[in-house]
Each structure stands twice: as C-alpha cells, then as structure tokens.
C-alpha atoms as a PDB file:
ATOM      1  CA  UNK A   1      71.872 143.555  57.788  1.00  0.00           C
ATOM      2  CA  UNK A   2      72.923 142.755  54.258  1.00  0.00           C
ATOM      3  CA  UNK A   3      74.471 139.432  53.319  1.00  0.00           C
ATOM      4  CA  UNK A   4      76.338 139.190  50.030  1.00  0.00           C
ATOM      5  CA  UNK A   5      77.482 136.005  48.327  1.00  0.00           C
ATOM      6  CA  UNK A   6      78.974 135.356  44.884  1.00  0.00           C
ATOM      7  CA  UNK A   7      79.153 132.260  42.703  1.00  0.00           C
ATOM      8  CA  UNK A   8      82.917 132.188  43.332  1.00  0.00           C
ATOM      9  CA  UNK A   9      82.420 131.583  47.060  1.00  0.00           C
ATOM     10  CA  UNK A  10      82.943 135.120  48.370  1.00  0.00           C
ATOM     11  CA  UNK A  11      80.677 135.931  51.310  1.00  0.00           C
ATOM     12  CA  UNK A  12      80.297 139.145  53.314  1.00  0.00           C
ATOM     13  CA  UNK A  13      77.888 140.303  55.980  1.00  0.00           C
ATOM     14  CA  UNK A  14      78.070 143.917  54.794  1.00  0.00           C
ATOM     15  CA  UNK A  15      79.548 145.708  51.776  1.00  0.00           C
ATOM     16  CA  UNK A  16      79.891 149.501  51.821  1.00  0.00           C
ATOM     17  CA  UNK A  17      80.777 151.285  48.585  1.00  0.00           C
ATOM     18  CA  UNK A  18      81.991 154.851  48.907  1.00  0.00           C
ATOM     19  CA  UNK A  19      83.023 156.260  45.555  1.00  0.00           C
ATOM     20  CA  UNK A  20      85.741 153.978  44.200  1.00  0.00           C
ATOM     21  CA  UNK A  21      86.385 152.360  47.596  1.00  0.00           C
ATOM     22  CA  UNK A  22      84.825 149.074  48.713  1.00  0.00           C
ATOM     23  CA  UNK A  23      84.763 148.100  52.380  1.00  0.00           C
ATOM     24  CA  UNK A  24      83.755 144.632  53.503  1.00  0.00           C
ATOM     25  CA  UNK A  25      82.597 143.695  56.997  1.00  0.00           C
ATOM     26  CA  UNK A  26      82.206 140.322  58.683  1.00  0.00           C
ATOM     27  CA  UNK A  27      80.681 140.010  62.159  1.00  0.00           C
ATOM     28  CA  UNK A  28      81.876 137.172  64.396  1.00  0.00           C
ATOM     29  CA  UNK A  29      81.072 136.174  67.986  1.00  0.00           C
ATOM     30  CA  UNK A  30      84.579 134.840  68.533  1.00  0.00           C
ATOM     31  CA  UNK A  31      87.315 136.597  70.494  1.00  0.00           C
ATOM     32  CA  UNK A  32      90.003 135.261  68.142  1.00  0.00           C
ATOM     33  CA  UNK A  33      88.958 135.953  64.536  1.00  0.00           C
ATOM     34  CA  UNK A  34      90.580 134.169  61.608  1.00  0.00           C
ATOM     35  CA  UNK A  35      90.570 134.865  57.887  1.00  0.00           C
ATOM     36  CA  UNK A  36      88.433 132.274  56.089  1.00  0.00           C
ATOM     37  CA  UNK A  37      88.597 131.098  52.495  1.00  0.00           C
ATOM     38  CA  UNK A  38      85.376 132.996  51.701  1.00  0.00           C
ATOM     39  CA  UNK A  39      86.903 136.191  53.128  1.00  0.00           C
ATOM     40  CA  UNK A  40      89.975 135.739  50.936  1.00  0.00           C
ATOM     41  CA  UNK A  41      87.658 135.266  47.950  1.00  0.00           C
ATOM     42  CA  UNK A  42      85.738 138.414  48.878  1.00  0.00           C
ATOM     43  CA  UNK A  43      88.953 140.466  49.000  1.00  0.00           C
ATOM     44  CA  UNK A  44      89.843 139.335  45.509  1.00  0.00           C
ATOM     45  CA  UNK A  45      86.483 138.864  43.755  1.00  0.00           C
ATOM     46  CA  UNK A  46      84.904 142.058  45.088  1.00  0.00           C
ATOM     47  CA  UNK A  47      88.139 144.083  44.879  1.00  0.00           C
ATOM     48  CA  UNK A  48      87.831 145.248  48.469  1.00  0.00           C
ATOM     49  CA  UNK A  49      89.830 148.210  49.677  1.00  0.00           C
ATOM     50  CA  UNK A  50      89.712 146.748  53.178  1.00  0.00           C
ATOM     51  CA  UNK A  51      88.000 143.948  55.083  1.00  0.00           C
ATOM     52  CA  UNK A  52      87.142 144.446  58.758  1.00  0.00           C
ATOM     53  CA  UNK A  53      86.225 141.469  60.916  1.00  0.00           C
ATOM     54  CA  UNK A  54      84.222 142.831  63.839  1.00  0.00           C
ATOM     55  CA  UNK A  55      84.623 140.492  66.800  1.00  0.00           C
ATOM     56  CA  UNK A  56      83.856 140.052  70.517  1.00  0.00           C
ATOM     57  CA  UNK A  57      87.461 140.408  71.721  1.00  0.00           C
ATOM     58  CA  UNK A  58      89.093 143.391  73.419  1.00  0.00           C
ATOM     59  CA  UNK A  59      91.660 144.485  70.822  1.00  0.00           C
ATOM     60  CA  UNK A  60      91.853 145.742  67.258  1.00  0.00           C
ATOM     61  CA  UNK A  61      94.782 144.392  65.241  1.00  0.00           C
ATOM     62  CA  UNK A  62      95.890 143.608  61.672  1.00  0.00           C
ATOM     63  CA  UNK A  63      95.392 140.066  60.375  1.00  0.00           C
ATOM     64  CA  UNK A  64      96.814 140.498  56.872  1.00  0.00           C
ATOM     65  CA  UNK A  65      97.311 143.132  54.232  1.00  0.00           C
ATOM     66  CA  UNK A  66      93.986 145.030  53.939  1.00  0.00           C
ATOM     67  CA  UNK A  67      92.405 142.875  56.698  1.00  0.00           C
ATOM     68  CA  UNK A  68      92.010 143.815  60.337  1.00  0.00           C
ATOM     69  CA  UNK A  69      90.194 142.462  63.353  1.00  0.00           C
ATOM     70  CA  UNK A  70      88.112 145.212  64.976  1.00  0.00           C
ATOM     71  CA  UNK A  71      86.871 144.920  68.551  1.00  0.00           C
ATOM     72  CA  UNK A  72      83.123 145.574  68.654  1.00  0.00           C
ATOM     73  CA  UNK A  73      83.549 147.425  71.960  1.00  0.00           C
ATOM     74  CA  UNK A  74      85.671 150.056  70.202  1.00  0.00           C
ATOM     75  CA  UNK A  75      82.842 150.727  67.764  1.00  0.00           C
ATOM     76  CA  UNK A  76      80.159 150.943  70.447  1.00  0.00           C
ATOM     77  CA  UNK A  77      82.224 153.343  72.600  1.00  0.00           C
ATOM     78  CA  UNK A  78      81.308 156.123  70.184  1.00  0.00           C
ATOM     79  CA  UNK A  79      77.589 155.592  70.828  1.00  0.00           C
ATOM     80  CA  UNK A  80      76.438 157.543  73.676  1.00  0.00           C
END
C-alpha cells in the first residue's frame, strides 16, 4: 500500500492517477467515517477528482462534494 503525505498536511493511503483524473483513497476500520482535516487538505492540495473513504460499515454514501464513504464489503463482493 502506498502512503502519501505533503508538507501542507495532506495525507492519503492511496493515490490513483488516470490521465487527468486523480482519485484518493483512505482506508478506515470505523463503521462511521468522517472527513478529517488532512483529507480536506488532500482534496485541495492534490486537486483530487474524488476521495473515497473505504470503511467497515454496511453502506456507501456521500459525505461531501467529491467525497464518499464506500463500504469495503461492496468492493469485495466483486472478488470471487
């Protein structure tokens, strides 16, 4: 896993760049993810297209503009 940090305080567990799009990922054990100050910095400093917070809960839902909480179980369903 890749961890990325900047001098401005932005931190991400994973950054995926696909052409001109930048996708950030944070992985949390919690079932109720929250947007942190470092995530807000990452959105701005790294000019992210979207930030996904992968979490241990059951549901996927939006947290803010360009930020969503993604249930890990939804990702692993496609493995098989």
